[in-house]
Each structure stands twice: as C-alpha cells, then as structure tokens.
PDB file of N, CA and C in Angstrom:
ATOM      1  N   MET A   1     113.830  74.883 111.266  1.00  0.00           N
ATOM      2  CA  MET A   1     112.461  75.256 111.546  1.00  0.00           C
ATOM      3  C   MET A   1     112.180  76.552 110.764  1.00  0.00           C
ATOM      4  N   LYS A   2     111.139  76.533 109.962  1.00  0.00           N
ATOM      5  CA  LYS A   2     110.776  77.682 109.122  1.00  0.00           C
ATOM      6  C   LYS A   2     109.556  78.383 109.714  1.00  0.00           C
ATOM      7  N   PHE A   3     109.681  79.685 109.984  1.00  0.00           N
ATOM      8  CA  PHE A   3     108.578  80.483 110.506  1.00  0.00           C
ATOM      9  C   PHE A   3     107.875  81.222 109.384  1.00  0.00           C
ATOM     10  N   ILE A   4     106.554  81.322 109.489  1.00  0.00           N
ATOM     11  CA  ILE A   4     105.715  82.050 108.554  1.00  0.00           C
ATOM     12  C   ILE A   4     105.111  83.233 109.313  1.00  0.00           C
ATOM     13  N   THR A   5     105.157  84.429 108.718  1.00  0.00           N
ATOM     14  CA  THR A   5     104.541  85.613 109.315  1.00  0.00           C
ATOM     15  C   THR A   5     103.118  85.739 108.792  1.00  0.00           C
ATOM     16  N   LEU A   6     102.148  85.788 109.703  1.00  0.00           N
ATOM     17  CA  LEU A   6     100.737  85.928 109.339  1.00  0.00           C
ATOM     18  C   LEU A   6     100.144  87.114 110.084  1.00  0.00           C
ATOM     19  N   LYS A   7      99.379  87.915 109.375  1.00  0.00           N
ATOM     20  CA  LYS A   7      98.795  89.127 109.965  1.00  0.00           C
ATOM     21  C   LYS A   7      97.405  88.836 110.524  1.00  0.00           C
ATOM     22  N   SER A   8      97.119  89.467 111.650  1.00  0.00           N
ATOM     23  CA  SER A   8      95.837  89.334 112.312  1.00  0.00           C
ATOM     24  C   SER A   8      95.371  90.719 112.725  1.00  0.00           C
ATOM     25  N   ARG A   9      94.090  90.874 112.919  1.00  0.00           N
ATOM     26  CA  ARG A   9      93.571  92.182 113.356  1.00  0.00           C
ATOM     27  C   ARG A   9      94.008  92.513 114.771  1.00  0.00           C
ATOM     28  N   GLY A  10      94.306  91.509 115.569  1.00  0.00           N
ATOM     29  CA  GLY A  10      94.721  91.739 116.947  1.00  0.00           C
ATOM     30  C   GLY A  10      96.222  91.762 117.133  1.00  0.00           C
ATOM     31  N   GLY A  11      96.980  91.519 116.076  1.00  0.00           N
ATOM     32  CA  GLY A  11      98.433  91.446 116.147  1.00  0.00           C
ATOM     33  C   GLY A  11      98.926  90.393 115.170  1.00  0.00           C
ATOM     34  N   ASN A  12     100.214  90.320 114.959  1.00  0.00           N
ATOM     35  CA  ASN A  12     100.763  89.387 113.993  1.00  0.00           C
ATOM     36  C   ASN A  12     101.245  88.112 114.674  1.00  0.00           C
ATOM     37  N   TYR A  13     101.317  87.028 113.891  1.00  0.00           N
ATOM     38  CA  TYR A  13     101.779  85.737 114.391  1.00  0.00           C
ATOM     39  C   TYR A  13     103.019  85.306 113.631  1.00  0.00           C
ATOM     40  N   LEU A  14     103.908  84.599 114.298  1.00  0.00           N
ATOM     41  CA  LEU A  14     104.967  83.827 113.671  1.00  0.00           C
ATOM     42  C   LEU A  14     104.612  82.374 113.949  1.00  0.00           C
ATOM     43  N   VAL A  15     104.373  81.618 112.888  1.00  0.00           N
ATOM     44  CA  VAL A  15     103.911  80.240 113.014  1.00  0.00           C
ATOM     45  C   VAL A  15     104.936  79.321 112.375  1.00  0.00           C
ATOM     46  N   VAL A  16     105.233  78.203 113.015  1.00  0.00           N
ATOM     47  CA  VAL A  16     106.121  77.206 112.423  1.00  0.00           C
ATOM     48  C   VAL A  16     105.366  76.561 111.262  1.00  0.00           C
ATOM     49  N   ALA A  17     105.932  76.648 110.068  1.00  0.00           N
ATOM     50  CA  ALA A  17     105.258  76.184 108.850  1.00  0.00           C
ATOM     51  C   ALA A  17     104.822  74.725 108.949  1.00  0.00           C
ATOM     52  N   SER A  18     105.645  73.876 109.516  1.00  0.00           N
ATOM     53  CA  SER A  18     105.316  72.445 109.588  1.00  0.00           C
ATOM     54  C   SER A  18     104.194  72.145 110.587  1.00  0.00           C
ATOM     55  N   ASN A  19     103.795  73.132 111.397  1.00  0.00           N
ATOM     56  CA  ASN A  19     102.707  72.928 112.363  1.00  0.00           C
ATOM     57  C   ASN A  19     101.335  73.337 111.825  1.00  0.00           C
ATOM     58  N   ILE A  20     101.271  73.840 110.593  1.00  0.00           N
ATOM     59  CA  ILE A  20      99.988  74.224 110.009  1.00  0.00           C
ATOM     60  C   ILE A  20      99.297  72.967 109.502  1.00  0.00           C
ATOM     61  N   ALA A  21      98.088  72.704 110.027  1.00  0.00           N
ATOM     62  CA  ALA A  21      97.364  71.480 109.682  1.00  0.00           C
ATOM     63  C   ALA A  21      96.271  71.720 108.645  1.00  0.00           C
ATOM     64  N   TRP A  22      95.566  72.847 108.722  1.00  0.00           N
ATOM     65  CA  TRP A  22      94.446  73.105 107.809  1.00  0.00           C
ATOM     66  C   TRP A  22      94.138  74.588 107.752  1.00  0.00           C
ATOM     67  N   LEU A  23      93.386  74.976 106.713  1.00  0.00           N
ATOM     68  CA  LEU A  23      92.869  76.338 106.559  1.00  0.00           C
ATOM     69  C   LEU A  23      91.365  76.254 106.386  1.00  0.00           C
ATOM     70  N   ARG A  24      90.649  77.214 106.954  1.00  0.00           N
ATOM     71  CA  ARG A  24      89.193  77.257 106.825  1.00  0.00           C
ATOM     72  C   ARG A  24      88.746  78.705 106.687  1.00  0.00           C
ATOM     73  N   SER A  25      87.869  78.956 105.730  1.00  0.00           N
ATOM     74  CA  SER A  25      87.325  80.304 105.560  1.00  0.00           C
ATOM     75  C   SER A  25      86.524  80.693 106.790  1.00  0.00           C
ATOM     76  N   ALA A  26      86.687  81.942 107.213  1.00  0.00           N
ATOM     77  CA  ALA A  26      85.949  82.464 108.364  1.00  0.00           C
ATOM     78  C   ALA A  26      85.190  83.711 107.896  1.00  0.00           C
ATOM     79  N   GLU A  27      84.472  84.332 108.805  1.00  0.00           N
ATOM     80  CA  GLU A  27      83.674  85.505 108.444  1.00  0.00           C
ATOM     81  C   GLU A  27      84.544  86.740 108.257  1.00  0.00           C
ATOM     82  N   ASN A  28      83.987  87.742 107.587  1.00  0.00           N
ATOM     83  CA  ASN A  28      84.624  89.045 107.377  1.00  0.00           C
ATOM     84  C   ASN A  28      85.968  88.965 106.655  1.00  0.00           C
ATOM     85  N   GLY A  29      86.076  88.058 105.686  1.00  0.00           N
ATOM     86  CA  GLY A  29      87.299  87.962 104.898  1.00  0.00           C
ATOM     87  C   GLY A  29      88.503  87.463 105.659  1.00  0.00           C
ATOM     88  N   GLN A  30      88.277  86.683 106.691  1.00  0.00           N
ATOM     89  CA  GLN A  30      89.367  86.154 107.499  1.00  0.00           C
ATOM     90  C   GLN A  30      89.489  84.646 107.281  1.00  0.00           C
ATOM     91  N   THR A  31      90.570  84.074 107.776  1.00  0.00           N
ATOM     92  CA  THR A  31      90.832  82.644 107.638  1.00  0.00           C
ATOM     93  C   THR A  31      91.253  82.076 108.983  1.00  0.00           C
ATOM     94  N   GLN A  32      90.747  80.896 109.302  1.00  0.00           N
ATOM     95  CA  GLN A  32      91.202  80.169 110.488  1.00  0.00           C
ATOM     96  C   GLN A  32      92.306  79.224 110.046  1.00  0.00           C
ATOM     97  N   ILE A  33      93.358  79.148 110.855  1.00  0.00           N
ATOM     98  CA  ILE A  33      94.473  78.254 110.577  1.00  0.00           C
ATOM     99  C   ILE A  33      94.568  77.254 111.720  1.00  0.00           C
ATOM    100  N   GLY A  34      94.450  75.982 111.368  1.00  0.00           N
ATOM    101  CA  GLY A  34      94.580  74.923 112.368  1.00  0.00           C
ATOM    102  C   GLY A  34      96.041  74.658 112.664  1.00  0.00           C
ATOM    103  N   ILE A  35      96.368  74.607 113.925  1.00  0.00           N
ATOM    104  CA  ILE A  35      97.734  74.378 114.379  1.00  0.00           C
ATOM    105  C   ILE A  35      97.800  73.020 115.076  1.00  0.00           C
ATOM    106  N   VAL A  36      98.776  72.203 114.683  1.00  0.00           N
ATOM    107  CA  VAL A  36      98.958  70.896 115.304  1.00  0.00           C
ATOM    108  C   VAL A  36      99.201  71.094 116.799  1.00  0.00           C
ATOM    109  N   GLY A  37      98.378  70.455 117.624  1.00  0.00           N
ATOM    110  CA  GLY A  37      98.544  70.522 119.067  1.00  0.00           C
ATOM    111  C   GLY A  37      98.147  71.845 119.690  1.00  0.00           C
ATOM    112  N   GLY A  38      97.386  72.682 118.972  1.00  0.00           N
ATOM    113  CA  GLY A  38      97.005  73.985 119.515  1.00  0.00           C
ATOM    114  C   GLY A  38      95.652  74.439 119.019  1.00  0.00           C
ATOM    115  N   SER A  39      95.258  75.606 119.439  1.00  0.00           N
ATOM    116  CA  SER A  39      93.988  76.195 119.029  1.00  0.00           C
ATOM    117  C   SER A  39      94.144  76.889 117.681  1.00  0.00           C
ATOM    118  N   PRO A  40      93.061  76.958 116.895  1.00  0.00           N
ATOM    119  CA  PRO A  40      93.133  77.648 115.602  1.00  0.00           C
ATOM    120  C   PRO A  40      93.421  79.145 115.776  1.00  0.00           C
ATOM    121  N   LEU A  41      94.118  79.705 114.798  1.00  0.00           N
ATOM    122  CA  LEU A  41      94.404  81.130 114.765  1.00  0.00           C
ATOM    123  C   LEU A  41      93.487  81.785 113.740  1.00  0.00           C
ATOM    124  N   LEU A  42      93.065  83.005 114.016  1.00  0.00           N
ATOM    125  CA  LEU A  42      92.242  83.764 113.086  1.00  0.00           C
ATOM    126  C   LEU A  42      93.119  84.859 112.491  1.00  0.00           C
ATOM    127  N   VAL A  43      93.309  84.807 111.166  1.00  0.00           N
ATOM    128  CA  VAL A  43      94.179  85.776 110.494  1.00  0.00           C
ATOM    129  C   VAL A  43      93.393  86.519 109.420  1.00  0.00           C
ATOM    130  N   THR A  44      93.924  87.666 109.001  1.00  0.00           N
ATOM    131  CA  THR A  44      93.268  88.450 107.962  1.00  0.00           C
ATOM    132  C   THR A  44      93.571  87.854 106.598  1.00  0.00           C
ATOM    133  N   GLY A  45      92.655  88.049 105.663  1.00  0.00           N
ATOM    134  CA  GLY A  45      92.829  87.564 104.300  1.00  0.00           C
ATOM    135  C   GLY A  45      91.980  86.337 104.030  1.00  0.00           C
ATOM    136  N   THR A  46      91.640  86.179 102.759  1.00  0.00           N
ATOM    137  CA  THR A  46      90.849  85.016 102.349  1.00  0.00           C
ATOM    138  C   THR A  46      91.712  83.760 102.440  1.00  0.00           C
ATOM    139  N   ILE A  47      91.072  82.623 102.295  1.00  0.00           N
ATOM    140  CA  ILE A  47      91.804  81.362 102.346  1.00  0.00           C
ATOM    141  C   ILE A  47      92.843  81.292 101.227  1.00  0.00           C
ATOM    142  N   GLU A  48      92.507  81.810 100.046  1.00  0.00           N
ATOM    143  CA  GLU A  48      93.439  81.807  98.918  1.00  0.00           C
ATOM    144  C   GLU A  48      94.644  82.712  99.182  1.00  0.00           C
ATOM    145  N   GLU A  49      94.383  83.905  99.724  1.00  0.00           N
ATOM    146  CA  GLU A  49      95.467  84.833 100.043  1.00  0.00           C
ATOM    147  C   GLU A  49      96.379  84.247 101.121  1.00  0.00           C
ATOM    148  N   THR A  50      95.791  83.648 102.132  1.00  0.00           N
ATOM    149  CA  THR A  50      96.559  83.054 103.218  1.00  0.00           C
ATOM    150  C   THR A  50      97.400  81.888 102.716  1.00  0.00           C
ATOM    151  N   ALA A  51      96.821  81.037 101.882  1.00  0.00           N
ATOM    152  CA  ALA A  51      97.570  79.911 101.310  1.00  0.00           C
ATOM    153  C   ALA A  51      98.743  80.416 100.479  1.00  0.00           C
ATOM    154  N   ALA A  52      98.527  81.485  99.711  1.00  0.00           N
ATOM    155  CA  ALA A  52      99.595  82.048  98.886  1.00  0.00           C
ATOM    156  C   ALA A  52     100.744  82.574  99.754  1.00  0.00           C
ATOM    157  N   VAL A  53     100.419  83.236 100.859  1.00  0.00           N
ATOM    158  CA  VAL A  53     101.441  83.746 101.780  1.00  0.00           C
ATOM    159  C   VAL A  53     102.234  82.586 102.373  1.00  0.00           C
ATOM    160  N   ILE A  54     101.540  81.542 102.793  1.00  0.00           N
ATOM    161  CA  ILE A  54     102.210  80.377 103.400  1.00  0.00           C
ATOM    162  C   ILE A  54     103.127  79.714 102.379  1.00  0.00           C
ATOM    163  N   LEU A  55     102.639  79.486 101.178  1.00  0.00           N
ATOM    164  CA  LEU A  55     103.459  78.836 100.155  1.00  0.00           C
ATOM    165  C   LEU A  55     104.654  79.689  99.751  1.00  0.00           C
ATOM    166  N   ALA A  56     104.447  80.987  99.610  1.00  0.00           N
ATOM    167  CA  ALA A  56     105.547  81.879  99.223  1.00  0.00           C
ATOM    168  C   ALA A  56     106.642  81.914 100.290  1.00  0.00           C
ATOM    169  N   GLN A  57     106.234  82.034 101.549  1.00  0.00           N
ATOM    170  CA  GLN A  57     107.218  82.117 102.627  1.00  0.00           C
ATOM    171  C   GLN A  57     107.860  80.763 102.898  1.00  0.00           C
ATOM    172  N   SER A  58     107.161  79.675 102.638  1.00  0.00           N
ATOM    173  CA  SER A  58     107.716  78.338 102.844  1.00  0.00           C
ATOM    174  C   SER A  58     108.824  78.038 101.834  1.00  0.00           C
ATOM    175  N   SER A  59     108.677  78.581 100.631  1.00  0.00           N
ATOM    176  CA  SER A  59     109.625  78.263  99.575  1.00  0.00           C
ATOM    177  C   SER A  59     110.837  79.179  99.542  1.00  0.00           C
ATOM    178  N   GLU A  60     110.827  80.255 100.333  1.00  0.00           N
ATOM    179  CA  GLU A  60     111.971  81.160 100.382  1.00  0.00           C
ATOM    180  C   GLU A  60     113.176  80.440 100.986  1.00  0.00           C
ATOM    181  N   ALA A  61     114.342  80.812 100.540  1.00  0.00           N
ATOM    182  CA  ALA A  61     115.574  80.205 101.076  1.00  0.00           C
ATOM    183  C   ALA A  61     115.703  80.524 102.560  1.00  0.00           C
ATOM    184  N   ALA A  62     116.102  79.544 103.313  1.00  0.00           N
ATOM    185  CA  ALA A  62     116.225  79.707 104.765  1.00  0.00           C
ATOM    186  C   ALA A  62     117.489  80.437 105.133  1.00  0.00           C
TER     187      ALA A  62
END
C-alpha cells in the first residue's frame, strides 16, 4: 500500500494512492480529490501541481 502526502490548509493528509479516483479544480487555487468510498478532500495547489505530487510520490521506490 503506497501513501501519498498531500497538504491542506487545515492540516495534511496521507492518502492511499490506489484510492484516488479523480481530481477537480476548486476555488482559491485548491484542488478537490475524489476518494473511492469516501468524501472528497480539499488540498492546496492547482490540479496540475497536485497531479505532479501524486505522480512523483507514486513512482518513488517503496
């Protein structure tokens, strides 16, 4: 199981990479992340920045 660290204005999240279903641009330069079987998370950064963080951390050696 691979965890991804995502920053939020209210605190940081550790999300299981395989549970990320979608990304959606939100207001104020933030991104919503859809979680399989859960509520969306609101994280800091544009959709492009968030996707780059997810891809970079997903490809790191476990």
